[in-house]
Amino acid sequence: MSSYTKAGGMGRKKDQLERMGAGFYYDRGGALYVDMAEFLAAHGVANTEAARGEAWQEIYRAFGPIEVFEICD
C-alpha cells in the first residue's frame, strides 16, 4: 500500500515530501503533513484512538491555526 494523502486535490507520496522530524513532513508549497503512526511510535506511544486524539490536540496547540494533513503507510 502506498503512502499518500489528498491535499488540494493532489495525492502526495511520502517520497515526494521532505522530512522535518519523527512523523512530520512538508511539501514544496509549505503544507505540513503528519504520519501519526510514525509520530506516536517515535514517542513510545501506542497507536490508539485516544492517543491520536491527544496528539492532534498537541499538534494544533503547537502549530496554531494551520492545516495539517495526515498521511499513512
Foldseek 3Di string as FASTA:
>chain_A
DFKWFQDPNDIDGPVQWDDDDQQWTAHPVGAIEGAQCRNCVVVVHDPDPVVSVVVVVVVCVVVPPDDYHYIYD
